[in-house]
Amino acid sequence: MKKILSIVACAVALALVGVATLRSAEMGRTEGKAIVRAVQGNVQVESAGAWVKLKANSELAPGTRIRTGPDSYTDLFVNSSSTVRITENTTLVIPEMFRVGSVREGDSETTLDLQDGTILGQVKKLSANSVYHIKTPHGIAGIRGTDFQVTAVVQPNGSYLVTFTSVTGELTVSAAVGPNGDIQVKVLRTGESWTPGQGDPFPTPPAIINAARTIIQELPQGGTTTISIPTPPPQHPPFSTGGSPSGQPSSPSS
């Protein structure tokens, strides 16, 4: 119950700082879809309670759950508004995809639920009434038109270390922090990251930003033909569990 309340509170906080809510008009409201643009290695989708191999050019409906194995990834064109790479050892659910009006001029509502692992992507500039959220076990990001990377790593005690990164553009993040679950809202600009519960946003190490940009630039942009993409190096969390925000190992205790 506490986790549910935290998620709800984060979503409300995002709305208060300017992340618009899709207008509630039923007329013209249609279900969106995600199109699989590339599959590399062992990538599966849950179907009728079983995991089956994900195939390129498949169309995925809201509610889809995807998982990737080691040295594997898939690229998705999501709700005609973004392109996303699900990297290795990642589990992602797409709870919501809706559209109101035309693809070019209408509004959209998209939610990605990153349960563990890493995703990168590019969200094109959205209309004023559109919504694009990325949920994690610890915080929610609202996106208007941003290149992003989000990582969620489970810790030995069962909690999650989540890092949000704005590769290019602006990212608004809300998370419940501290023993009382106080809501903090941070605006990340190009090259900044934030790990809820570990202080303020900080400059992302250049190596992380450059690697993310390289992958995002290679992502296929919609269309109807699958594009072959070279296999990138395995993706890792932005910072090792025992490291510092600068990317350098922590000094050993004396």
Foldseek 3Di string as FASTA:
>chain_A
DVLVVFVVVQVVVVVVVQQAAADPDPVQKDWFKKAWQDWDDAKWKADPNDTDGDDHRDIGGAFIKMAAAPLIWTWICTLLFKIKIQAHGWIKHWHGWMWHDDSVPTEIETEIETEAAKMWMWGQAGDSRHWYWYHYSWKIKTDGTFTWMKGWHQDPVRHIWIKIATLAAKIWIWGQEDPVRDIDIDIHHHQWMDTGHPDHIDGQAPVVSVLSVVVHVQTDNDDRHRDDDPRDPHDDPSEDPQDDRNNHGDDDDD
